[in-house]
Amino acid sequence: MTRGYHDIGGKEAGAIPMVELPWLHWEKQVEAIRNLLGDGTRRMLSLDEMRRGFESFGEDKYKALSFYRRRLEAMIDILVEKDVISREELEKEIASVRARWEPAAECKT
């Protein structure tokens, strides 16, 4: 059995940094959404699906993304795969939110 690029257990990797990093606000939101989508009531996605999602990114994408960005991208992929949302709906909503925030940012400059 061959190891996947994501399976780093037992490999030489140097010392583990023992620094407590604060969660960024968006990371907390990603975790909250994942918890809601995977809870006993909704069961829209499981941890196994999440793992399958980010383990199928390919090595370059997997290594380029942070832990929470991988979770977010995997959730999006799974929800699109299950026809819960479409990429077009997501892009439209992202554009709508950016439009609301960009004028506020322009006023500060």
N, C-alpha and C. Protein backbone atom coordinates (compact mmCIF):
# COMPACT_ATOMS: atom_id res chain seq x y z
N MET A 1 0.84 -1.18 0.00
CA MET A 1 0.00 0.00 0.00
C MET A 1 0.89 1.24 0.00
N THR A 2 0.63 2.15 -0.91
CA THR A 2 1.42 3.37 -0.98
C THR A 2 0.82 4.46 -0.11
N ARG A 3 1.67 5.31 0.38
CA ARG A 3 1.23 6.43 1.21
C ARG A 3 0.78 7.58 0.34
N GLY A 4 -0.25 8.25 0.79
CA GLY A 4 -0.68 9.47 0.12
C GLY A 4 0.19 10.63 0.55
N TYR A 5 0.21 11.68 -0.25
CA TYR A 5 1.01 12.86 0.08
C TYR A 5 0.58 13.50 1.40
N HIS A 6 -0.64 13.25 1.81
CA HIS A 6 -1.18 13.82 3.03
C HIS A 6 -0.84 12.99 4.26
N ASP A 7 -0.33 11.77 4.07
CA ASP A 7 -0.03 10.86 5.18
C ASP A 7 1.42 11.08 5.60
N ILE A 8 1.63 11.96 6.56
CA ILE A 8 2.99 12.31 6.96
C ILE A 8 3.39 11.65 8.28
N GLY A 9 2.52 10.87 8.86
CA GLY A 9 2.82 10.22 10.13
C GLY A 9 4.06 9.36 10.05
N GLY A 10 5.01 9.58 10.98
CA GLY A 10 6.23 8.79 11.02
C GLY A 10 7.36 9.32 10.16
N LYS A 11 7.09 10.31 9.33
CA LYS A 11 8.15 10.89 8.49
C LYS A 11 8.94 11.92 9.29
N GLU A 12 10.21 12.10 8.92
CA GLU A 12 11.03 13.14 9.54
C GLU A 12 10.43 14.50 9.18
N ALA A 13 10.17 15.29 10.19
CA ALA A 13 9.59 16.60 9.92
C ALA A 13 10.15 17.68 10.83
N GLY A 14 11.10 17.33 11.66
CA GLY A 14 11.66 18.32 12.57
C GLY A 14 10.80 18.47 13.80
N ALA A 15 11.18 19.45 14.60
CA ALA A 15 10.48 19.70 15.86
C ALA A 15 9.08 20.26 15.61
N ILE A 16 8.18 19.91 16.47
CA ILE A 16 6.81 20.43 16.39
C ILE A 16 6.76 21.74 17.16
N PRO A 17 6.34 22.82 16.50
CA PRO A 17 6.25 24.10 17.22
C PRO A 17 5.21 24.00 18.33
N MET A 18 5.58 24.38 19.52
CA MET A 18 4.68 24.31 20.67
C MET A 18 4.16 25.71 21.00
N VAL A 19 3.53 26.32 20.02
CA VAL A 19 3.02 27.68 20.17
C VAL A 19 1.51 27.64 20.00
N GLU A 20 0.82 28.21 20.95
CA GLU A 20 -0.64 28.29 20.88
C GLU A 20 -1.00 29.47 19.98
N LEU A 21 -1.61 29.18 18.85
CA LEU A 21 -2.00 30.23 17.92
C LEU A 21 -3.48 30.55 18.11
N PRO A 22 -3.82 31.82 18.16
CA PRO A 22 -5.24 32.17 18.28
C PRO A 22 -5.97 31.86 16.98
N TRP A 23 -7.23 31.47 17.10
CA TRP A 23 -8.05 31.23 15.91
C TRP A 23 -8.42 32.57 15.29
N LEU A 24 -8.34 32.63 13.99
CA LEU A 24 -8.86 33.79 13.28
C LEU A 24 -10.38 33.68 13.24
N HIS A 25 -11.05 34.81 13.12
CA HIS A 25 -12.51 34.82 13.13
C HIS A 25 -13.08 33.90 12.05
N TRP A 26 -12.53 33.95 10.83
CA TRP A 26 -13.07 33.13 9.75
C TRP A 26 -12.83 31.64 10.01
N GLU A 27 -11.76 31.30 10.73
CA GLU A 27 -11.51 29.89 11.06
C GLU A 27 -12.58 29.38 12.02
N LYS A 28 -12.96 30.22 12.98
CA LYS A 28 -14.04 29.85 13.90
C LYS A 28 -15.34 29.65 13.13
N GLN A 29 -15.59 30.51 12.15
CA GLN A 29 -16.81 30.38 11.35
C GLN A 29 -16.81 29.08 10.55
N VAL A 30 -15.67 28.74 9.96
CA VAL A 30 -15.56 27.48 9.19
C VAL A 30 -15.86 26.30 10.10
N GLU A 31 -15.29 26.30 11.29
CA GLU A 31 -15.50 25.18 12.22
C GLU A 31 -16.96 25.12 12.68
N ALA A 32 -17.56 26.28 12.94
CA ALA A 32 -18.97 26.31 13.35
C ALA A 32 -19.87 25.77 12.25
N ILE A 33 -19.62 26.18 11.02
CA ILE A 33 -20.44 25.70 9.89
C ILE A 33 -20.27 24.20 9.72
N ARG A 34 -19.02 23.71 9.82
CA ARG A 34 -18.79 22.27 9.69
C ARG A 34 -19.52 21.51 10.79
N ASN A 35 -19.49 22.05 12.00
CA ASN A 35 -20.20 21.39 13.10
C ASN A 35 -21.70 21.37 12.86
N LEU A 36 -22.25 22.45 12.35
CA LEU A 36 -23.68 22.49 12.06
C LEU A 36 -24.07 21.54 10.93
N LEU A 37 -23.27 21.52 9.87
CA LEU A 37 -23.58 20.66 8.72
C LEU A 37 -23.42 19.18 9.05
N GLY A 38 -22.59 18.88 10.04
CA GLY A 38 -22.35 17.48 10.38
C GLY A 38 -23.02 17.02 11.64
N ASP A 39 -23.89 17.86 12.22
CA ASP A 39 -24.51 17.46 13.48
C ASP A 39 -25.56 16.36 13.26
N GLY A 40 -26.06 15.82 14.36
CA GLY A 40 -27.00 14.71 14.32
C GLY A 40 -28.32 15.03 13.65
N THR A 41 -28.67 16.30 13.55
CA THR A 41 -29.93 16.69 12.92
C THR A 41 -29.78 16.82 11.41
N ARG A 42 -28.75 17.53 10.99
CA ARG A 42 -28.59 17.84 9.56
C ARG A 42 -27.90 16.73 8.78
N ARG A 43 -26.81 16.23 9.30
CA ARG A 43 -26.03 15.16 8.67
C ARG A 43 -25.79 15.40 7.17
N MET A 44 -25.43 16.62 6.86
CA MET A 44 -25.19 16.97 5.46
C MET A 44 -23.79 16.57 4.99
N LEU A 45 -22.85 16.47 5.93
CA LEU A 45 -21.52 15.99 5.58
C LEU A 45 -20.86 15.39 6.81
N SER A 46 -20.04 14.41 6.57
CA SER A 46 -19.37 13.71 7.67
C SER A 46 -17.88 14.03 7.65
N LEU A 47 -17.21 13.70 8.74
CA LEU A 47 -15.76 13.89 8.79
C LEU A 47 -15.06 13.03 7.76
N ASP A 48 -15.60 11.83 7.50
CA ASP A 48 -15.01 10.98 6.46
C ASP A 48 -15.10 11.64 5.09
N GLU A 49 -16.24 12.27 4.81
CA GLU A 49 -16.38 12.99 3.54
C GLU A 49 -15.41 14.17 3.48
N MET A 50 -15.26 14.86 4.59
CA MET A 50 -14.32 15.98 4.64
C MET A 50 -12.90 15.49 4.34
N ARG A 51 -12.51 14.42 4.99
CA ARG A 51 -11.17 13.87 4.76
C ARG A 51 -10.99 13.45 3.31
N ARG A 52 -11.98 12.76 2.76
CA ARG A 52 -11.91 12.37 1.36
C ARG A 52 -11.78 13.60 0.48
N GLY A 53 -12.51 14.66 0.86
CA GLY A 53 -12.47 15.89 0.08
C GLY A 53 -11.10 16.50 0.01
N PHE A 54 -10.47 16.72 1.17
CA PHE A 54 -9.18 17.40 1.09
C PHE A 54 -8.03 16.47 0.75
N GLU A 55 -8.21 15.17 0.90
CA GLU A 55 -7.17 14.25 0.46
C GLU A 55 -7.20 14.05 -1.05
N SER A 56 -8.24 14.52 -1.70
CA SER A 56 -8.33 14.38 -3.16
C SER A 56 -7.94 15.67 -3.90
N PHE A 57 -7.45 16.68 -3.18
CA PHE A 57 -7.09 17.96 -3.80
C PHE A 57 -5.91 17.85 -4.76
N GLY A 58 -5.04 16.91 -4.50
CA GLY A 58 -3.76 16.88 -5.20
C GLY A 58 -2.72 17.51 -4.29
N GLU A 59 -1.49 17.07 -4.44
CA GLU A 59 -0.44 17.47 -3.50
C GLU A 59 -0.20 18.98 -3.48
N ASP A 60 -0.15 19.62 -4.64
CA ASP A 60 0.15 21.06 -4.67
C ASP A 60 -0.91 21.87 -3.95
N LYS A 61 -2.18 21.62 -4.25
CA LYS A 61 -3.26 22.37 -3.60
C LYS A 61 -3.30 22.06 -2.12
N TYR A 62 -3.15 20.79 -1.76
CA TYR A 62 -3.20 20.38 -0.36
C TYR A 62 -2.13 21.10 0.46
N LYS A 63 -0.91 21.14 -0.07
CA LYS A 63 0.19 21.77 0.67
C LYS A 63 0.10 23.29 0.66
N ALA A 64 -0.55 23.87 -0.33
CA ALA A 64 -0.64 25.33 -0.43
C ALA A 64 -1.68 25.92 0.52
N LEU A 65 -2.67 25.12 0.91
CA LEU A 65 -3.77 25.63 1.73
C LEU A 65 -3.53 25.35 3.21
N SER A 66 -4.00 26.26 4.05
CA SER A 66 -3.94 26.05 5.49
C SER A 66 -4.98 25.00 5.89
N PHE A 67 -4.90 24.55 7.12
CA PHE A 67 -5.83 23.54 7.63
C PHE A 67 -7.29 23.97 7.44
N TYR A 68 -7.62 25.18 7.88
CA TYR A 68 -9.02 25.61 7.79
C TYR A 68 -9.43 25.95 6.36
N ARG A 69 -8.49 26.38 5.54
CA ARG A 69 -8.82 26.63 4.14
C ARG A 69 -9.11 25.30 3.43
N ARG A 70 -8.37 24.24 3.79
CA ARG A 70 -8.66 22.91 3.22
C ARG A 70 -10.05 22.46 3.65
N ARG A 71 -10.40 22.68 4.91
CA ARG A 71 -11.73 22.29 5.40
C ARG A 71 -12.81 23.04 4.63
N LEU A 72 -12.61 24.35 4.47
CA LEU A 72 -13.59 25.16 3.75
C LEU A 72 -13.75 24.68 2.31
N GLU A 73 -12.65 24.49 1.62
CA GLU A 73 -12.71 24.04 0.22
C GLU A 73 -13.36 22.66 0.11
N ALA A 74 -13.06 21.77 1.04
CA ALA A 74 -13.67 20.43 1.03
C ALA A 74 -15.17 20.53 1.27
N MET A 75 -15.59 21.38 2.21
CA MET A 75 -17.04 21.56 2.47
C MET A 75 -17.75 22.05 1.22
N ILE A 76 -17.16 23.04 0.57
CA ILE A 76 -17.77 23.58 -0.65
C ILE A 76 -17.89 22.49 -1.70
N ASP A 77 -16.80 21.76 -1.93
CA ASP A 77 -16.83 20.68 -2.93
C ASP A 77 -17.92 19.66 -2.63
N ILE A 78 -18.05 19.27 -1.37
CA ILE A 78 -19.04 18.26 -0.98
C ILE A 78 -20.46 18.79 -1.17
N LEU A 79 -20.69 20.03 -0.76
CA LEU A 79 -22.04 20.62 -0.90
C LEU A 79 -22.41 20.79 -2.37
N VAL A 80 -21.44 21.11 -3.21
CA VAL A 80 -21.70 21.19 -4.65
C VAL A 80 -21.97 19.79 -5.20
N GLU A 81 -21.15 18.82 -4.79
CA GLU A 81 -21.32 17.43 -5.22
C GLU A 81 -22.71 16.90 -4.88
N LYS A 82 -23.23 17.30 -3.72
CA LYS A 82 -24.54 16.83 -3.26
C LYS A 82 -25.69 17.72 -3.74
N ASP A 83 -25.39 18.69 -4.60
CA ASP A 83 -26.40 19.62 -5.14
C ASP A 83 -27.11 20.44 -4.07
N VAL A 84 -26.41 20.72 -2.97
CA VAL A 84 -26.96 21.59 -1.93
C VAL A 84 -26.83 23.04 -2.39
N ILE A 85 -25.68 23.35 -2.99
CA ILE A 85 -25.44 24.65 -3.59
C ILE A 85 -24.76 24.42 -4.94
N SER A 86 -24.76 25.45 -5.75
CA SER A 86 -24.01 25.38 -7.01
C SER A 86 -22.85 26.36 -6.92
N ARG A 87 -21.86 26.17 -7.72
CA ARG A 87 -20.72 27.11 -7.75
C ARG A 87 -21.21 28.50 -8.15
N GLU A 88 -22.19 28.53 -9.06
CA GLU A 88 -22.72 29.82 -9.52
C GLU A 88 -23.41 30.56 -8.37
N GLU A 89 -24.20 29.85 -7.57
CA GLU A 89 -24.86 30.47 -6.42
C GLU A 89 -23.83 30.99 -5.42
N LEU A 90 -22.80 30.20 -5.19
CA LEU A 90 -21.75 30.60 -4.26
C LEU A 90 -21.03 31.84 -4.77
N GLU A 91 -20.64 31.85 -6.03
CA GLU A 91 -19.93 33.01 -6.60
C GLU A 91 -20.80 34.26 -6.56
N LYS A 92 -22.09 34.11 -6.82
CA LYS A 92 -23.02 35.24 -6.76
C LYS A 92 -23.08 35.80 -5.34
N GLU A 93 -23.17 34.94 -4.35
CA GLU A 93 -23.23 35.39 -2.96
C GLU A 93 -21.92 36.04 -2.53
N ILE A 94 -20.81 35.48 -2.94
CA ILE A 94 -19.50 36.07 -2.63
C ILE A 94 -19.41 37.48 -3.22
N ALA A 95 -19.83 37.63 -4.46
CA ALA A 95 -19.82 38.94 -5.10
C ALA A 95 -20.72 39.93 -4.37
N SER A 96 -21.87 39.46 -3.92
CA SER A 96 -22.81 40.31 -3.19
C SER A 96 -22.21 40.80 -1.87
N VAL A 97 -21.57 39.90 -1.15
CA VAL A 97 -20.96 40.27 0.13
C VAL A 97 -19.79 41.22 -0.10
N ARG A 98 -18.97 40.94 -1.11
CA ARG A 98 -17.85 41.84 -1.40
C ARG A 98 -18.34 43.24 -1.76
N ALA A 99 -19.42 43.31 -2.51
CA ALA A 99 -19.97 44.61 -2.91
C ALA A 99 -20.42 45.41 -1.69
N ARG A 100 -20.95 44.73 -0.69
CA ARG A 100 -21.37 45.43 0.54
C ARG A 100 -20.18 45.93 1.34
N TRP A 101 -19.05 45.21 1.32
CA TRP A 101 -17.89 45.57 2.12
C TRP A 101 -16.95 46.53 1.41
N GLU A 102 -16.83 46.45 0.09
CA GLU A 102 -15.89 47.28 -0.63
C GLU A 102 -16.15 48.78 -0.48
N PRO A 103 -17.40 49.26 -0.56
CA PRO A 103 -17.61 50.70 -0.36
C PRO A 103 -17.15 51.18 1.01
N ALA A 104 -17.33 50.36 2.03
CA ALA A 104 -16.88 50.74 3.37
C ALA A 104 -15.36 50.85 3.42
N ALA A 105 -14.67 49.97 2.74
CA ALA A 105 -13.21 50.01 2.70
C ALA A 105 -12.72 51.23 1.93
N GLU A 106 -13.43 51.60 0.86
CA GLU A 106 -13.05 52.77 0.06
C GLU A 106 -13.21 54.06 0.85
N CYS A 107 -14.17 54.13 1.73
CA CYS A 107 -14.41 55.34 2.54
C CYS A 107 -13.26 55.60 3.50
N LYS A 108 -12.55 54.56 3.91
CA LYS A 108 -11.46 54.70 4.88
C LYS A 108 -10.18 55.22 4.22
N THR A 109 -10.07 55.11 2.91
CA THR A 109 -8.83 55.53 2.24
C THR A 109 -8.82 56.98 1.89
